[in-house]
């Protein structure tokens, strides 16, 4: 959680709020890859890429 807090403080101090959507999209893609690696929905996720 320290990483997320530091990231938020960096974005707030440097006015880099445009990074938030980029980080959110990367987190969503990471979660899809982790969850889709060994599940039945893996073929559907791989068609997205």
PDB file of N, CA and C in Angstrom:
ATOM      1  N   UNK A   1       0.811  -1.194   0.000  1.00  0.00           N
ATOM      2  CA  UNK A   1       0.000   0.000   0.000  1.00  0.00           C
ATOM      3  C   UNK A   1       0.858   1.263   0.000  1.00  0.00           C
ATOM      4  N   UNK A   2       2.079   1.145   0.459  1.00  0.00           N
ATOM      5  CA  UNK A   2       2.961   2.313   0.456  1.00  0.00           C
ATOM      6  C   UNK A   2       3.244   2.782  -0.969  1.00  0.00           C
ATOM      7  N   UNK A   3       3.354   1.820  -1.868  1.00  0.00           N
ATOM      8  CA  UNK A   3       3.604   2.169  -3.266  1.00  0.00           C
ATOM      9  C   UNK A   3       2.458   2.994  -3.835  1.00  0.00           C
ATOM     10  N   UNK A   4       1.222   2.567  -3.571  1.00  0.00           N
ATOM     11  CA  UNK A   4       0.065   3.301  -4.079  1.00  0.00           C
ATOM     12  C   UNK A   4      -0.038   4.684  -3.459  1.00  0.00           C
ATOM     13  N   UNK A   5       0.288   4.773  -2.171  1.00  0.00           N
ATOM     14  CA  UNK A   5       0.262   6.067  -1.501  1.00  0.00           C
ATOM     15  C   UNK A   5       1.328   6.991  -2.075  1.00  0.00           C
ATOM     16  N   UNK A   6       2.524   6.463  -2.296  1.00  0.00           N
ATOM     17  CA  UNK A   6       3.595   7.263  -2.883  1.00  0.00           C
ATOM     18  C   UNK A   6       3.248   7.692  -4.313  1.00  0.00           C
ATOM     19  N   UNK A   7       2.641   6.786  -5.063  1.00  0.00           N
ATOM     20  CA  UNK A   7       2.239   7.110  -6.423  1.00  0.00           C
ATOM     21  C   UNK A   7       1.199   8.228  -6.436  1.00  0.00           C
ATOM     22  N   UNK A   8       0.218   8.137  -5.534  1.00  0.00           N
ATOM     23  CA  UNK A   8      -0.807   9.178  -5.450  1.00  0.00           C
ATOM     24  C   UNK A   8      -0.193  10.516  -5.038  1.00  0.00           C
ATOM     25  N   UNK A   9       0.705  10.506  -4.071  1.00  0.00           N
ATOM     26  CA  UNK A   9       1.346  11.747  -3.636  1.00  0.00           C
ATOM     27  C   UNK A   9       2.197  12.351  -4.749  1.00  0.00           C
ATOM     28  N   UNK A  10       2.859  11.514  -5.528  1.00  0.00           N
ATOM     29  CA  UNK A  10       3.636  12.004  -6.670  1.00  0.00           C
ATOM     30  C   UNK A  10       2.735  12.679  -7.690  1.00  0.00           C
ATOM     31  N   UNK A  11       1.625  12.000  -8.025  1.00  0.00           N
ATOM     32  CA  UNK A  11       0.719  12.557  -9.018  1.00  0.00           C
ATOM     33  C   UNK A  11       0.093  13.859  -8.517  1.00  0.00           C
ATOM     34  N   UNK A  12      -0.194  13.924  -7.229  1.00  0.00           N
ATOM     35  CA  UNK A  12      -0.802  15.122  -6.659  1.00  0.00           C
ATOM     36  C   UNK A  12       0.194  16.279  -6.606  1.00  0.00           C
ATOM     37  N   UNK A  13       1.418  16.004  -6.230  1.00  0.00           N
ATOM     38  CA  UNK A  13       2.423  17.056  -6.089  1.00  0.00           C
ATOM     39  C   UNK A  13       2.881  17.577  -7.452  1.00  0.00           C
ATOM     40  N   UNK A  14       3.020  16.684  -8.424  1.00  0.00           N
ATOM     41  CA  UNK A  14       3.536  17.091  -9.729  1.00  0.00           C
ATOM     42  C   UNK A  14       2.440  17.419 -10.735  1.00  0.00           C
ATOM     43  N   UNK A  15       1.178  17.323 -10.301  1.00  0.00           N
ATOM     44  CA  UNK A  15       0.021  17.588 -11.173  1.00  0.00           C
ATOM     45  C   UNK A  15       0.030  16.679 -12.399  1.00  0.00           C
ATOM     46  N   UNK A  16       0.298  15.421 -12.169  1.00  0.00           N
ATOM     47  CA  UNK A  16       0.354  14.426 -13.251  1.00  0.00           C
ATOM     48  C   UNK A  16      -0.888  13.527 -13.215  1.00  0.00           C
ATOM     49  N   UNK A  17      -2.055  14.136 -13.167  1.00  0.00           N
ATOM     50  CA  UNK A  17      -3.279  13.355 -13.069  1.00  0.00           C
ATOM     51  C   UNK A  17      -3.602  12.598 -14.353  1.00  0.00           C
ATOM     52  N   UNK A  18      -2.949  12.946 -15.447  1.00  0.00           N
ATOM     53  CA  UNK A  18      -3.164  12.217 -16.692  1.00  0.00           C
ATOM     54  C   UNK A  18      -2.616  10.804 -16.595  1.00  0.00           C
ATOM     55  N   UNK A  19      -1.777  10.532 -15.599  1.00  0.00           N
ATOM     56  CA  UNK A  19      -1.243   9.180 -15.427  1.00  0.00           C
ATOM     57  C   UNK A  19      -2.278   8.207 -14.863  1.00  0.00           C
ATOM     58  N   UNK A  20      -3.300   8.718 -14.198  1.00  0.00           N
ATOM     59  CA  UNK A  20      -4.297   7.845 -13.559  1.00  0.00           C
ATOM     60  C   UNK A  20      -4.983   6.907 -14.555  1.00  0.00           C
ATOM     61  N   UNK A  21      -5.503   7.388 -15.696  1.00  0.00           N
ATOM     62  CA  UNK A  21      -6.133   6.439 -16.634  1.00  0.00           C
ATOM     63  C   UNK A  21      -5.157   5.402 -17.181  1.00  0.00           C
ATOM     64  N   UNK A  22      -3.914   5.803 -17.398  1.00  0.00           N
ATOM     65  CA  UNK A  22      -2.906   4.860 -17.902  1.00  0.00           C
ATOM     66  C   UNK A  22      -2.672   3.758 -16.880  1.00  0.00           C
ATOM     67  N   UNK A  23      -2.539   4.128 -15.621  1.00  0.00           N
ATOM     68  CA  UNK A  23      -2.300   3.150 -14.564  1.00  0.00           C
ATOM     69  C   UNK A  23      -3.502   2.228 -14.398  1.00  0.00           C
ATOM     70  N   UNK A  24      -4.700   2.784 -14.479  1.00  0.00           N
ATOM     71  CA  UNK A  24      -5.911   1.968 -14.332  1.00  0.00           C
ATOM     72  C   UNK A  24      -6.019   0.947 -15.464  1.00  0.00           C
ATOM     73  N   UNK A  25      -5.747   1.366 -16.685  1.00  0.00           N
ATOM     74  CA  UNK A  25      -5.812   0.441 -17.828  1.00  0.00           C
ATOM     75  C   UNK A  25      -4.764  -0.658 -17.683  1.00  0.00           C
ATOM     76  N   UNK A  26      -3.554  -0.295 -17.253  1.00  0.00           N
ATOM     77  CA  UNK A  26      -2.521  -1.314 -17.056  1.00  0.00           C
ATOM     78  C   UNK A  26      -2.906  -2.304 -15.962  1.00  0.00           C
ATOM     79  N   UNK A  27      -3.519  -1.830 -14.886  1.00  0.00           N
ATOM     80  CA  UNK A  27      -3.972  -2.730 -13.823  1.00  0.00           C
ATOM     81  C   UNK A  27      -5.061  -3.675 -14.323  1.00  0.00           C
ATOM     82  N   UNK A  28      -5.996  -3.162 -15.090  1.00  0.00           N
ATOM     83  CA  UNK A  28      -7.065  -4.007 -15.626  1.00  0.00           C
ATOM     84  C   UNK A  28      -6.504  -5.076 -16.560  1.00  0.00           C
ATOM     85  N   UNK A  29      -5.579  -4.686 -17.431  1.00  0.00           N
ATOM     86  CA  UNK A  29      -4.964  -5.673 -18.329  1.00  0.00           C
ATOM     87  C   UNK A  29      -4.175  -6.724 -17.547  1.00  0.00           C
ATOM     88  N   UNK A  30      -3.472  -6.295 -16.513  1.00  0.00           N
ATOM     89  CA  UNK A  30      -2.735  -7.243 -15.682  1.00  0.00           C
ATOM     90  C   UNK A  30      -3.646  -8.225 -14.988  1.00  0.00           C
ATOM     91  N   UNK A  31      -4.769  -7.739 -14.472  1.00  0.00           N
ATOM     92  CA  UNK A  31      -5.728  -8.624 -13.805  1.00  0.00           C
ATOM     93  C   UNK A  31      -6.327  -9.600 -14.799  1.00  0.00           C
ATOM     94  N   UNK A  32      -6.645  -9.128 -16.014  1.00  0.00           N
ATOM     95  CA  UNK A  32      -7.175 -10.031 -17.039  1.00  0.00           C
ATOM     96  C   UNK A  32      -6.186 -11.130 -17.392  1.00  0.00           C
ATOM     97  N   UNK A  33      -4.937 -10.777 -17.501  1.00  0.00           N
ATOM     98  CA  UNK A  33      -3.922 -11.776 -17.856  1.00  0.00           C
ATOM     99  C   UNK A  33      -3.739 -12.786 -16.735  1.00  0.00           C
ATOM    100  N   UNK A  34      -3.701 -12.315 -15.496  1.00  0.00           N
ATOM    101  CA  UNK A  34      -3.508 -13.233 -14.363  1.00  0.00           C
ATOM    102  C   UNK A  34      -4.706 -14.160 -14.200  1.00  0.00           C
ATOM    103  N   UNK A  35      -5.907 -13.604 -14.264  1.00  0.00           N
ATOM    104  CA  UNK A  35      -7.101 -14.432 -14.070  1.00  0.00           C
ATOM    105  C   UNK A  35      -7.388 -15.317 -15.283  1.00  0.00           C
ATOM    106  N   UNK A  36      -7.037 -14.846 -16.450  1.00  0.00           N
ATOM    107  CA  UNK A  36      -7.346 -15.609 -17.654  1.00  0.00           C
ATOM    108  C   UNK A  36      -6.330 -16.662 -18.005  1.00  0.00           C
ATOM    109  N   UNK A  37      -5.213 -16.688 -17.318  1.00  0.00           N
ATOM    110  CA  UNK A  37      -4.162 -17.643 -17.642  1.00  0.00           C
ATOM    111  C   UNK A  37      -4.552 -19.091 -17.426  1.00  0.00           C
ATOM    112  N   UNK A  38      -5.286 -19.371 -16.391  1.00  0.00           N
ATOM    113  CA  UNK A  38      -5.616 -20.760 -16.101  1.00  0.00           C
ATOM    114  C   UNK A  38      -7.098 -21.017 -15.985  1.00  0.00           C
ATOM    115  N   UNK A  39      -7.903 -20.225 -16.659  1.00  0.00           N
ATOM    116  CA  UNK A  39      -9.339 -20.414 -16.522  1.00  0.00           C
ATOM    117  C   UNK A  39      -9.980 -20.787 -17.861  1.00  0.00           C
ATOM    118  N   UNK A  40     -11.279 -21.001 -17.813  1.00  0.00           N
ATOM    119  CA  UNK A  40     -12.010 -21.392 -19.019  1.00  0.00           C
ATOM    120  C   UNK A  40     -12.232 -20.219 -19.956  1.00  0.00           C
ATOM    121  N   UNK A  41     -12.054 -18.998 -19.467  1.00  0.00           N
ATOM    122  CA  UNK A  41     -12.267 -17.837 -20.336  1.00  0.00           C
ATOM    123  C   UNK A  41     -10.991 -17.395 -21.040  1.00  0.00           C
ATOM    124  N   UNK A  42      -9.925 -18.145 -20.876  1.00  0.00           N
ATOM    125  CA  UNK A  42      -8.650 -17.793 -21.486  1.00  0.00           C
ATOM    126  C   UNK A  42      -8.725 -17.615 -23.001  1.00  0.00           C
ATOM    127  N   UNK A  43      -9.405 -18.485 -23.745  1.00  0.00           N
ATOM    128  CA  UNK A  43      -9.461 -18.279 -25.197  1.00  0.00           C
ATOM    129  C   UNK A  43     -10.130 -16.967 -25.593  1.00  0.00           C
ATOM    130  N   UNK A  44     -11.088 -16.518 -24.807  1.00  0.00           N
ATOM    131  CA  UNK A  44     -11.785 -15.272 -25.111  1.00  0.00           C
ATOM    132  C   UNK A  44     -10.896 -14.073 -24.804  1.00  0.00           C
ATOM    133  N   UNK A  45     -10.086 -14.170 -23.767  1.00  0.00           N
ATOM    134  CA  UNK A  45      -9.188 -13.066 -23.433  1.00  0.00           C
ATOM    135  C   UNK A  45      -8.065 -12.973 -24.455  1.00  0.00           C
ATOM    136  N   UNK A  46      -7.585 -14.094 -24.922  1.00  0.00           N
ATOM    137  CA  UNK A  46      -6.486 -14.070 -25.877  1.00  0.00           C
ATOM    138  C   UNK A  46      -6.919 -13.499 -27.227  1.00  0.00           C
ATOM    139  N   UNK A  47      -8.201 -13.570 -27.552  1.00  0.00           N
ATOM    140  CA  UNK A  47      -8.661 -12.967 -28.795  1.00  0.00           C
ATOM    141  C   UNK A  47      -8.634 -11.450 -28.731  1.00  0.00           C
ATOM    142  N   UNK A  48      -8.635 -10.883 -27.532  1.00  0.00           N
ATOM    143  CA  UNK A  48      -8.555  -9.426 -27.396  1.00  0.00           C
ATOM    144  C   UNK A  48      -7.174  -8.915 -27.791  1.00  0.00           C
ATOM    145  N   UNK A  49      -6.165  -9.739 -27.636  1.00  0.00           N
ATOM    146  CA  UNK A  49      -4.808  -9.316 -27.914  1.00  0.00           C
ATOM    147  C   UNK A  49      -4.367  -9.863 -29.251  1.00  0.00           C
TER     148      UNK A  49
END
